[in-house]
Amino acid sequence: MRTFTLLLLAACSPYDPDLGTTPFLCGDMDPKCPDGYSCVTDGTNRMVCQKGSVDGSSSFNCANDSTLEPNDAINNAWQSPVATTKMNLSLAGLAICPETDKDNYKIDITVEGQNLEVIMTYDEGNALSASILNGGGTSIVNGSPMGTNAVRAYAANLPVGSYYASVFSAVMMKNNYKIDINVTGP
């Protein structure tokens, strides 16, 4: 009877090395994450284990967003038509490539009290971050996780002026993304 019980225990293992793609907090000691996961920031200063490689290998296929480049700083940010001629805009096929890339999109708020929302959705893999910057380039709102592979930044009741949606990799890794910029309010 014992042999049969031991055989049953050996044949059925609850261990599954695939923990899914939803990030979970990193451990305090090495290894901080299980095999196949990397410890990265989630854009809110939390370190999370994320499935996939974050080795920055050159085999990564960057989207071609050269028509919007250079937009690495606020002084050469891509001028969006949001708030001046339309209330929302979606751009796809964008990339943070190379790892040090930073993409900035200028939004000119034209009516006192408007709200600015930026939703950035990145491809599976290396997490990206998004922020809303004021006219001087200082972050006024950092993005927060919004479901799987998405970050949302929202600034309410803004004064008239120039603002920037900024997308970057806090851990200096490449990834592709899309961005939705929306203005609502008075």
N, C-alpha and C. Protein backbone atom coordinates (compact mmCIF):
# COMPACT_ATOMS: atom_id res chain seq x y z
N MET A 1 0.82 -1.19 0.00
CA MET A 1 0.00 0.00 0.00
C MET A 1 0.86 1.25 0.00
N ARG A 2 1.97 1.25 0.76
CA ARG A 2 2.83 2.42 0.80
C ARG A 2 3.45 2.71 -0.55
N THR A 3 3.86 1.70 -1.24
CA THR A 3 4.45 1.90 -2.55
C THR A 3 3.46 2.58 -3.48
N PHE A 4 2.24 2.17 -3.42
CA PHE A 4 1.20 2.76 -4.26
C PHE A 4 0.99 4.25 -3.91
N THR A 5 0.97 4.59 -2.62
CA THR A 5 0.79 5.99 -2.19
C THR A 5 1.95 6.84 -2.64
N LEU A 6 3.16 6.36 -2.48
CA LEU A 6 4.34 7.12 -2.91
C LEU A 6 4.34 7.30 -4.42
N LEU A 7 3.94 6.30 -5.14
CA LEU A 7 3.87 6.39 -6.58
C LEU A 7 2.84 7.44 -7.01
N LEU A 8 1.72 7.51 -6.35
CA LEU A 8 0.72 8.52 -6.64
C LEU A 8 1.24 9.92 -6.36
N LEU A 9 1.94 10.11 -5.26
CA LEU A 9 2.49 11.42 -4.93
C LEU A 9 3.54 11.85 -5.94
N ALA A 10 4.34 10.97 -6.42
CA ALA A 10 5.38 11.30 -7.38
C ALA A 10 4.80 11.62 -8.75
N ALA A 11 3.69 11.01 -9.10
CA ALA A 11 3.12 11.21 -10.43
C ALA A 11 2.33 12.50 -10.54
N CYS A 12 1.91 13.07 -9.45
CA CYS A 12 1.08 14.27 -9.48
C CYS A 12 1.80 15.41 -8.77
N SER A 13 2.25 16.40 -9.52
CA SER A 13 2.97 17.52 -8.93
C SER A 13 2.18 18.81 -9.13
N PRO A 14 1.96 19.59 -8.07
CA PRO A 14 1.25 20.85 -8.21
C PRO A 14 2.13 21.97 -8.77
N TYR A 15 3.41 21.73 -8.97
CA TYR A 15 4.33 22.77 -9.43
C TYR A 15 4.08 23.10 -10.89
N ASP A 16 3.91 24.38 -11.19
CA ASP A 16 3.77 24.87 -12.55
C ASP A 16 4.70 26.07 -12.69
N PRO A 17 5.76 25.98 -13.52
CA PRO A 17 6.72 27.08 -13.62
C PRO A 17 6.15 28.33 -14.30
N ASP A 18 5.03 28.23 -14.99
CA ASP A 18 4.44 29.39 -15.65
C ASP A 18 3.48 30.07 -14.69
N LEU A 19 3.89 31.24 -14.19
CA LEU A 19 3.08 31.98 -13.23
C LEU A 19 2.21 33.05 -13.91
N GLY A 20 2.18 33.04 -15.24
CA GLY A 20 1.35 33.99 -15.97
C GLY A 20 2.07 35.30 -16.26
N THR A 21 1.38 36.21 -16.94
CA THR A 21 1.99 37.48 -17.33
C THR A 21 1.66 38.62 -16.38
N THR A 22 0.74 38.41 -15.44
CA THR A 22 0.41 39.48 -14.49
C THR A 22 1.59 39.68 -13.55
N PRO A 23 2.13 40.92 -13.46
CA PRO A 23 3.28 41.16 -12.59
C PRO A 23 2.94 40.92 -11.12
N PHE A 24 3.95 40.49 -10.35
CA PHE A 24 3.81 40.31 -8.92
C PHE A 24 5.08 40.86 -8.27
N LEU A 25 5.02 41.21 -7.00
CA LEU A 25 6.13 41.86 -6.33
C LEU A 25 7.38 40.99 -6.30
N CYS A 26 8.54 41.64 -6.46
CA CYS A 26 9.82 40.95 -6.40
C CYS A 26 10.14 40.56 -4.97
N GLY A 27 10.96 39.53 -4.82
CA GLY A 27 11.41 39.12 -3.50
C GLY A 27 12.48 40.07 -2.97
N ASP A 28 12.84 39.90 -1.70
CA ASP A 28 13.85 40.75 -1.08
C ASP A 28 15.27 40.24 -1.30
N MET A 29 15.42 38.94 -1.55
CA MET A 29 16.75 38.34 -1.71
C MET A 29 16.86 37.72 -3.09
N ASP A 30 18.10 37.55 -3.57
CA ASP A 30 18.33 36.90 -4.86
C ASP A 30 18.09 35.42 -4.75
N PRO A 31 17.50 34.80 -5.73
CA PRO A 31 16.88 35.43 -6.89
C PRO A 31 15.58 36.11 -6.49
N LYS A 32 15.38 37.33 -6.97
CA LYS A 32 14.19 38.11 -6.62
C LYS A 32 12.95 37.61 -7.34
N CYS A 33 13.16 36.92 -8.48
CA CYS A 33 12.05 36.40 -9.28
C CYS A 33 12.36 34.97 -9.72
N PRO A 34 11.33 34.18 -10.01
CA PRO A 34 11.55 32.82 -10.53
C PRO A 34 12.17 32.86 -11.93
N ASP A 35 12.69 31.72 -12.36
CA ASP A 35 13.25 31.61 -13.71
C ASP A 35 12.21 32.04 -14.74
N GLY A 36 12.67 32.79 -15.75
CA GLY A 36 11.79 33.25 -16.81
C GLY A 36 11.11 34.58 -16.50
N TYR A 37 11.37 35.15 -15.31
CA TYR A 37 10.80 36.44 -14.91
C TYR A 37 11.95 37.37 -14.53
N SER A 38 11.74 38.67 -14.73
CA SER A 38 12.75 39.67 -14.40
C SER A 38 12.14 40.71 -13.48
N CYS A 39 12.95 41.24 -12.57
CA CYS A 39 12.51 42.25 -11.62
C CYS A 39 12.65 43.62 -12.27
N VAL A 40 11.52 44.30 -12.49
CA VAL A 40 11.52 45.62 -13.15
C VAL A 40 10.59 46.55 -12.37
N THR A 41 10.73 47.86 -12.60
CA THR A 41 9.81 48.82 -11.99
C THR A 41 8.52 48.86 -12.78
N ASP A 42 7.40 49.07 -12.09
CA ASP A 42 6.11 49.10 -12.78
C ASP A 42 5.65 50.52 -13.07
N GLY A 43 6.52 51.51 -12.88
CA GLY A 43 6.17 52.89 -13.14
C GLY A 43 5.61 53.61 -11.93
N THR A 44 5.43 52.90 -10.82
CA THR A 44 4.95 53.52 -9.58
C THR A 44 5.94 53.29 -8.46
N ASN A 45 7.19 53.09 -8.83
CA ASN A 45 8.29 52.84 -7.88
C ASN A 45 8.17 51.52 -7.14
N ARG A 46 7.34 50.60 -7.64
CA ARG A 46 7.29 49.25 -7.09
C ARG A 46 8.09 48.34 -8.00
N MET A 47 8.82 47.42 -7.43
CA MET A 47 9.57 46.44 -8.20
C MET A 47 8.73 45.18 -8.31
N VAL A 48 8.48 44.76 -9.57
CA VAL A 48 7.62 43.61 -9.81
C VAL A 48 8.33 42.60 -10.71
N CYS A 49 7.98 41.34 -10.56
CA CYS A 49 8.48 40.29 -11.44
C CYS A 49 7.61 40.27 -12.68
N GLN A 50 8.26 40.33 -13.82
CA GLN A 50 7.54 40.37 -15.09
C GLN A 50 8.05 39.25 -15.97
N LYS A 51 7.13 38.57 -16.62
CA LYS A 51 7.49 37.45 -17.48
C LYS A 51 8.19 37.96 -18.73
N GLY A 52 9.19 37.24 -19.16
CA GLY A 52 9.87 37.57 -20.40
C GLY A 52 11.28 38.06 -20.16
N SER A 53 11.99 38.23 -21.25
CA SER A 53 13.38 38.66 -21.20
C SER A 53 13.46 40.16 -21.11
N VAL A 54 14.35 40.64 -20.27
CA VAL A 54 14.64 42.06 -20.21
C VAL A 54 16.13 42.28 -20.41
N ASP A 55 16.71 41.49 -21.29
CA ASP A 55 18.15 41.58 -21.49
C ASP A 55 18.54 42.63 -22.51
N GLY A 56 17.56 43.30 -23.12
CA GLY A 56 17.86 44.35 -24.08
C GLY A 56 18.54 43.81 -25.33
N SER A 57 18.33 42.57 -25.65
CA SER A 57 19.02 41.98 -26.79
C SER A 57 18.67 42.67 -28.09
N SER A 58 19.59 42.65 -29.03
CA SER A 58 19.40 43.35 -30.29
C SER A 58 18.39 42.66 -31.19
N SER A 59 17.89 41.49 -30.80
CA SER A 59 16.91 40.80 -31.62
C SER A 59 15.51 41.42 -31.49
N PHE A 60 15.34 42.38 -30.60
CA PHE A 60 14.05 43.03 -30.42
C PHE A 60 13.69 43.79 -31.70
N ASN A 61 12.44 43.67 -32.14
CA ASN A 61 11.96 44.30 -33.37
C ASN A 61 11.25 45.60 -33.03
N CYS A 62 11.93 46.73 -33.16
CA CYS A 62 11.35 48.04 -32.84
C CYS A 62 10.38 48.48 -33.93
N ALA A 63 9.26 49.05 -33.50
CA ALA A 63 8.33 49.66 -34.45
C ALA A 63 9.00 50.89 -35.06
N ASN A 64 8.61 51.24 -36.27
CA ASN A 64 9.21 52.38 -36.95
C ASN A 64 8.34 53.63 -36.71
N ASP A 65 8.76 54.45 -35.74
CA ASP A 65 8.04 55.69 -35.47
C ASP A 65 8.87 56.91 -35.88
N SER A 66 9.69 56.72 -36.90
CA SER A 66 10.62 57.77 -37.34
C SER A 66 9.91 59.03 -37.82
N THR A 67 8.65 58.95 -38.23
CA THR A 67 7.94 60.15 -38.68
C THR A 67 7.65 61.11 -37.53
N LEU A 68 7.71 60.62 -36.28
CA LEU A 68 7.48 61.47 -35.12
C LEU A 68 8.78 61.89 -34.44
N GLU A 69 9.88 61.31 -34.83
CA GLU A 69 11.17 61.61 -34.23
C GLU A 69 11.82 62.80 -34.92
N PRO A 70 12.71 63.53 -34.27
CA PRO A 70 13.07 63.36 -32.87
C PRO A 70 12.02 64.01 -31.96
N ASN A 71 11.71 63.33 -30.89
CA ASN A 71 10.79 63.87 -29.89
C ASN A 71 11.25 63.48 -28.48
N ASP A 72 12.58 63.45 -28.31
CA ASP A 72 13.18 62.99 -27.07
C ASP A 72 13.12 64.00 -25.92
N ALA A 73 12.93 65.27 -26.23
CA ALA A 73 12.88 66.32 -25.21
C ALA A 73 11.66 67.19 -25.47
N ILE A 74 11.27 67.98 -24.48
CA ILE A 74 10.08 68.79 -24.67
C ILE A 74 10.29 69.88 -25.73
N ASN A 75 11.53 70.32 -25.93
CA ASN A 75 11.77 71.35 -26.95
C ASN A 75 11.65 70.81 -28.37
N ASN A 76 11.60 69.49 -28.55
CA ASN A 76 11.34 68.93 -29.88
C ASN A 76 10.21 67.90 -29.83
N ALA A 77 9.29 68.08 -28.90
CA ALA A 77 8.14 67.18 -28.76
C ALA A 77 7.28 67.24 -30.02
N TRP A 78 6.65 66.11 -30.32
CA TRP A 78 5.73 66.07 -31.46
C TRP A 78 4.47 66.83 -31.08
N GLN A 79 4.09 67.81 -31.90
CA GLN A 79 2.91 68.64 -31.64
C GLN A 79 1.65 67.87 -31.99
N SER A 80 0.86 67.54 -30.98
CA SER A 80 -0.39 66.83 -31.24
C SER A 80 -1.51 67.84 -31.51
N PRO A 81 -2.52 67.44 -32.26
CA PRO A 81 -3.66 68.32 -32.51
C PRO A 81 -4.70 68.28 -31.39
N VAL A 82 -4.44 67.49 -30.33
CA VAL A 82 -5.40 67.33 -29.26
C VAL A 82 -5.57 68.67 -28.52
N ALA A 83 -6.81 69.03 -28.28
CA ALA A 83 -7.25 70.24 -27.59
C ALA A 83 -7.29 71.46 -28.51
N THR A 84 -6.55 71.44 -29.61
CA THR A 84 -6.60 72.59 -30.52
C THR A 84 -7.56 72.34 -31.68
N THR A 85 -7.54 71.13 -32.26
CA THR A 85 -8.45 70.84 -33.37
C THR A 85 -9.29 69.57 -33.16
N LYS A 86 -8.93 68.74 -32.20
CA LYS A 86 -9.70 67.54 -31.89
C LYS A 86 -9.54 67.23 -30.41
N MET A 87 -10.44 66.44 -29.87
CA MET A 87 -10.42 66.16 -28.43
C MET A 87 -9.69 64.87 -28.07
N ASN A 88 -9.41 64.01 -29.04
CA ASN A 88 -8.67 62.79 -28.73
C ASN A 88 -7.88 62.34 -29.94
N LEU A 89 -6.88 61.54 -29.66
CA LEU A 89 -5.98 61.05 -30.69
C LEU A 89 -5.41 59.72 -30.25
N SER A 90 -5.35 58.76 -31.18
CA SER A 90 -4.69 57.48 -30.93
C SER A 90 -3.54 57.34 -31.91
N LEU A 91 -2.38 57.00 -31.40
CA LEU A 91 -1.21 56.73 -32.23
C LEU A 91 -0.71 55.34 -31.91
N ALA A 92 -0.46 54.54 -32.94
CA ALA A 92 0.03 53.17 -32.75
C ALA A 92 1.33 52.99 -33.51
N GLY A 93 1.99 51.87 -33.28
CA GLY A 93 3.24 51.58 -33.97
C GLY A 93 4.38 52.45 -33.49
N LEU A 94 4.40 52.75 -32.19
CA LEU A 94 5.43 53.60 -31.59
C LEU A 94 6.42 52.74 -30.84
N ALA A 95 7.61 53.30 -30.57
CA ALA A 95 8.64 52.49 -29.92
C ALA A 95 9.53 53.32 -29.01
N ILE A 96 9.95 52.69 -27.94
CA ILE A 96 11.05 53.20 -27.13
C ILE A 96 12.25 52.39 -27.59
N CYS A 97 13.00 52.96 -28.51
CA CYS A 97 14.18 52.34 -29.11
C CYS A 97 15.11 53.45 -29.57
N PRO A 98 16.34 53.48 -29.11
CA PRO A 98 17.02 52.54 -28.22
C PRO A 98 16.49 52.65 -26.79
N GLU A 99 17.15 51.97 -25.90
CA GLU A 99 16.71 51.90 -24.50
C GLU A 99 16.62 53.27 -23.84
N THR A 100 17.44 54.21 -24.28
CA THR A 100 17.48 55.54 -23.69
C THR A 100 16.46 56.50 -24.31
N ASP A 101 15.70 56.03 -25.27
CA ASP A 101 14.72 56.86 -25.96
C ASP A 101 13.66 57.35 -24.99
N LYS A 102 13.15 58.52 -25.25
CA LYS A 102 12.03 59.09 -24.50
C LYS A 102 11.17 59.80 -25.53
N ASP A 103 9.89 59.52 -25.55
CA ASP A 103 9.00 60.13 -26.53
C ASP A 103 8.09 61.14 -25.84
N ASN A 104 8.03 62.36 -26.40
CA ASN A 104 7.22 63.44 -25.83
C ASN A 104 6.23 63.95 -26.87
N TYR A 105 4.99 64.19 -26.42
CA TYR A 105 3.92 64.66 -27.26
C TYR A 105 3.34 65.92 -26.62
N LYS A 106 3.34 67.01 -27.37
CA LYS A 106 2.88 68.30 -26.84
C LYS A 106 1.37 68.43 -27.02
N ILE A 107 0.72 68.89 -25.95
CA ILE A 107 -0.72 69.13 -25.97
C ILE A 107 -0.92 70.55 -25.46
N ASP A 108 -1.57 71.40 -26.25
CA ASP A 108 -1.83 72.77 -25.84
C ASP A 108 -3.27 72.88 -25.34
N ILE A 109 -3.42 72.98 -24.03
CA ILE A 109 -4.74 73.15 -23.41
C ILE A 109 -5.20 74.58 -23.71
N THR A 110 -6.36 74.70 -24.33
CA THR A 110 -6.83 76.00 -24.81
C THR A 110 -7.99 76.57 -24.00
N VAL A 111 -8.59 75.75 -23.14
CA VAL A 111 -9.74 76.20 -22.34
C VAL A 111 -9.44 75.90 -20.88
N GLU A 112 -9.57 76.91 -20.04
CA GLU A 112 -9.35 76.75 -18.61
C GLU A 112 -10.21 75.62 -18.05
N GLY A 113 -9.63 74.74 -17.24
CA GLY A 113 -10.37 73.69 -16.57
C GLY A 113 -10.50 72.39 -17.35
N GLN A 114 -9.81 72.27 -18.49
CA GLN A 114 -9.88 71.00 -19.23
C GLN A 114 -9.08 69.92 -18.49
N ASN A 115 -9.43 68.65 -18.77
CA ASN A 115 -8.76 67.49 -18.18
C ASN A 115 -7.95 66.79 -19.27
N LEU A 116 -6.77 66.32 -18.91
CA LEU A 116 -5.90 65.63 -19.86
C LEU A 116 -5.69 64.20 -19.39
N GLU A 117 -5.97 63.25 -20.28
CA GLU A 117 -5.79 61.83 -19.98
C GLU A 117 -4.85 61.23 -21.02
N VAL A 118 -3.86 60.49 -20.54
CA VAL A 118 -2.92 59.77 -21.40
C VAL A 118 -2.99 58.30 -21.03
N ILE A 119 -3.30 57.46 -22.02
CA ILE A 119 -3.30 56.01 -21.80
C ILE A 119 -2.27 55.43 -22.76
N MET A 120 -1.30 54.73 -22.20
CA MET A 120 -0.24 54.13 -22.99
C MET A 120 -0.31 52.61 -22.79
N THR A 121 -0.39 51.89 -23.88
CA THR A 121 -0.45 50.43 -23.84
C THR A 121 0.79 49.89 -24.52
N TYR A 122 1.58 49.11 -23.78
CA TYR A 122 2.83 48.58 -24.32
C TYR A 122 2.70 47.10 -24.63
N ASP A 123 3.56 46.64 -25.54
CA ASP A 123 3.58 45.22 -25.89
C ASP A 123 4.01 44.41 -24.69
N GLU A 124 3.64 43.14 -24.69
CA GLU A 124 4.04 42.25 -23.61
C GLU A 124 5.55 42.23 -23.52
N GLY A 125 6.05 42.17 -22.32
CA GLY A 125 7.50 42.17 -22.11
C GLY A 125 7.90 43.27 -21.17
N ASN A 126 8.80 44.11 -21.62
CA ASN A 126 9.35 45.15 -20.77
C ASN A 126 8.36 46.29 -20.53
N ALA A 127 8.08 46.56 -19.25
CA ALA A 127 7.13 47.61 -18.89
C ALA A 127 7.65 48.99 -19.28
N LEU A 128 6.75 49.84 -19.73
CA LEU A 128 7.07 51.24 -20.01
C LEU A 128 6.31 52.12 -19.03
N SER A 129 6.73 53.37 -18.92
CA SER A 129 6.10 54.33 -18.03
C SER A 129 5.59 55.52 -18.83
N ALA A 130 4.63 56.22 -18.27
CA ALA A 130 4.10 57.44 -18.89
C ALA A 130 3.85 58.47 -17.81
N SER A 131 4.06 59.74 -18.17
CA SER A 131 3.81 60.86 -17.26
C SER A 131 3.22 62.01 -18.04
N ILE A 132 2.57 62.92 -17.32
CA ILE A 132 2.15 64.19 -17.89
C ILE A 132 3.08 65.24 -17.28
N LEU A 133 3.69 66.03 -18.16
CA LEU A 133 4.63 67.06 -17.74
C LEU A 133 4.01 68.43 -17.92
N ASN A 134 4.43 69.40 -17.09
CA ASN A 134 3.97 70.77 -17.28
C ASN A 134 4.82 71.45 -18.35
N GLY A 135 4.57 72.71 -18.63
CA GLY A 135 5.28 73.44 -19.68
C GLY A 135 6.77 73.53 -19.47
N GLY A 136 7.24 73.38 -18.24
CA GLY A 136 8.67 73.41 -17.95
C GLY A 136 9.33 72.04 -17.99
N GLY A 137 8.54 71.00 -18.22
CA GLY A 137 9.08 69.65 -18.31
C GLY A 137 9.08 68.88 -17.00
N THR A 138 8.44 69.42 -15.97
CA THR A 138 8.36 68.74 -14.68
C THR A 138 7.11 67.86 -14.64
N SER A 139 7.28 66.65 -14.14
CA SER A 139 6.15 65.72 -14.06
C SER A 139 5.11 66.24 -13.07
N ILE A 140 3.85 66.32 -13.52
CA ILE A 140 2.77 66.70 -12.61
C ILE A 140 1.90 65.49 -12.27
N VAL A 141 1.93 64.46 -13.12
CA VAL A 141 1.20 63.22 -12.86
C VAL A 141 2.01 62.06 -13.45
N ASN A 142 2.30 61.07 -12.62
CA ASN A 142 2.93 59.83 -13.10
C ASN A 142 1.83 58.82 -13.39
N GLY A 143 2.04 58.05 -14.44
CA GLY A 143 1.07 57.04 -14.82
C GLY A 143 0.95 55.94 -13.78
N SER A 144 -0.24 55.36 -13.70
CA SER A 144 -0.51 54.24 -12.81
C SER A 144 -0.94 53.05 -13.65
N PRO A 145 -0.62 51.83 -13.19
CA PRO A 145 -1.05 50.65 -13.95
C PRO A 145 -2.56 50.64 -14.14
N MET A 146 -2.95 50.23 -15.35
CA MET A 146 -4.38 50.17 -15.70
C MET A 146 -4.60 48.87 -16.46
N GLY A 147 -4.78 47.79 -15.77
CA GLY A 147 -4.95 46.51 -16.43
C GLY A 147 -3.62 45.96 -16.91
N THR A 148 -3.70 45.00 -17.81
CA THR A 148 -2.51 44.35 -18.33
C THR A 148 -1.82 45.22 -19.36
N ASN A 149 -0.53 45.50 -19.16
CA ASN A 149 0.31 46.21 -20.12
C ASN A 149 -0.19 47.61 -20.45
N ALA A 150 -0.84 48.28 -19.53
CA ALA A 150 -1.32 49.64 -19.78
C ALA A 150 -1.04 50.53 -18.58
N VAL A 151 -0.82 51.80 -18.88
CA VAL A 151 -0.56 52.82 -17.87
C VAL A 151 -1.44 54.02 -18.19
N ARG A 152 -2.01 54.63 -17.15
CA ARG A 152 -2.87 55.81 -17.34
C ARG A 152 -2.38 56.95 -16.47
N ALA A 153 -2.28 58.14 -17.07
CA ALA A 153 -1.99 59.36 -16.34
C ALA A 153 -3.15 60.32 -16.60
N TYR A 154 -3.63 60.98 -15.53
CA TYR A 154 -4.79 61.84 -15.66
C TYR A 154 -4.56 63.11 -14.83
N ALA A 155 -4.67 64.25 -15.48
CA ALA A 155 -4.54 65.55 -14.81
C ALA A 155 -5.84 66.31 -15.01
N ALA A 156 -6.49 66.70 -13.90
CA ALA A 156 -7.80 67.36 -13.96
C ALA A 156 -7.67 68.86 -13.78
N ASN A 157 -8.63 69.58 -14.37
CA ASN A 157 -8.82 71.00 -14.14
C ASN A 157 -7.54 71.81 -14.39
N LEU A 158 -6.98 71.66 -15.58
CA LEU A 158 -5.70 72.31 -15.91
C LEU A 158 -5.90 73.76 -16.35
N PRO A 159 -4.93 74.61 -16.02
CA PRO A 159 -4.95 75.96 -16.57
C PRO A 159 -4.53 75.92 -18.04
N VAL A 160 -4.85 76.97 -18.80
CA VAL A 160 -4.43 77.07 -20.19
C VAL A 160 -2.91 77.03 -20.24
N GLY A 161 -2.37 76.27 -21.20
CA GLY A 161 -0.92 76.18 -21.35
C GLY A 161 -0.51 74.93 -22.09
N SER A 162 0.78 74.76 -22.21
CA SER A 162 1.34 73.59 -22.90
C SER A 162 1.67 72.50 -21.89
N TYR A 163 1.34 71.26 -22.27
CA TYR A 163 1.62 70.09 -21.45
C TYR A 163 2.21 69.03 -22.36
N TYR A 164 2.81 68.03 -21.76
CA TYR A 164 3.48 66.98 -22.54
C TYR A 164 3.12 65.62 -22.00
N ALA A 165 2.79 64.71 -22.91
CA ALA A 165 2.67 63.29 -22.58
C ALA A 165 4.04 62.70 -22.85
N SER A 166 4.63 62.08 -21.84
CA SER A 166 5.98 61.54 -21.96
C SER A 166 5.95 60.03 -21.73
N VAL A 167 6.58 59.29 -22.64
CA VAL A 167 6.66 57.83 -22.54
C VAL A 167 8.13 57.45 -22.51
N PHE A 168 8.49 56.55 -21.59
CA PHE A 168 9.90 56.18 -21.42
C PHE A 168 9.99 54.83 -20.72
N SER A 169 11.20 54.30 -20.70
CA SER A 169 11.47 53.06 -19.97
C SER A 169 12.28 53.40 -18.74
N ALA A 170 11.70 53.20 -17.56
CA ALA A 170 12.40 53.48 -16.31
C ALA A 170 13.55 52.50 -16.09
N VAL A 171 13.51 51.34 -16.74
CA VAL A 171 14.56 50.34 -16.57
C VAL A 171 15.45 50.24 -17.81
N MET A 172 15.34 51.22 -18.71
CA MET A 172 16.17 51.30 -19.91
C MET A 172 16.09 50.04 -20.77
N MET A 173 14.87 49.67 -21.13
CA MET A 173 14.64 48.54 -22.02
C MET A 173 13.75 48.96 -23.18
N LYS A 174 13.91 48.31 -24.30
CA LYS A 174 13.11 48.60 -25.50
C LYS A 174 11.72 47.99 -25.38
N ASN A 175 10.76 48.65 -26.03
CA ASN A 175 9.43 48.06 -26.19
C ASN A 175 8.64 48.92 -27.18
N ASN A 176 7.60 48.35 -27.73
CA ASN A 176 6.68 49.04 -28.63
C ASN A 176 5.42 49.38 -27.85
N TYR A 177 4.72 50.43 -28.31
CA TYR A 177 3.53 50.86 -27.59
C TYR A 177 2.58 51.63 -28.49
N LYS A 178 1.41 51.92 -27.94
CA LYS A 178 0.46 52.84 -28.56
C LYS A 178 0.03 53.82 -27.49
N ILE A 179 -0.41 54.99 -27.92
CA ILE A 179 -0.80 56.02 -26.95
C ILE A 179 -2.14 56.62 -27.37
N ASP A 180 -2.97 56.87 -26.37
CA ASP A 180 -4.24 57.58 -26.56
C ASP A 180 -4.18 58.84 -25.71
N ILE A 181 -4.42 59.99 -26.35
CA ILE A 181 -4.40 61.28 -25.65
C ILE A 181 -5.81 61.85 -25.77
N ASN A 182 -6.41 62.16 -24.62
CA ASN A 182 -7.79 62.64 -24.59
C ASN A 182 -7.89 63.91 -23.74
N VAL A 183 -8.67 64.87 -24.21
CA VAL A 183 -8.97 66.07 -23.44
C VAL A 183 -10.48 66.14 -23.27
N THR A 184 -10.91 66.38 -22.03
CA THR A 184 -12.33 66.50 -21.72
C THR A 184 -12.54 67.74 -20.86
N GLY A 185 -13.76 68.08 -20.68
CA GLY A 185 -14.07 69.18 -19.77
C GLY A 185 -14.69 70.37 -20.49
N PRO A 186 -14.65 71.50 -19.77
CA PRO A 186 -15.39 72.67 -20.27
C PRO A 186 -15.05 73.06 -21.69
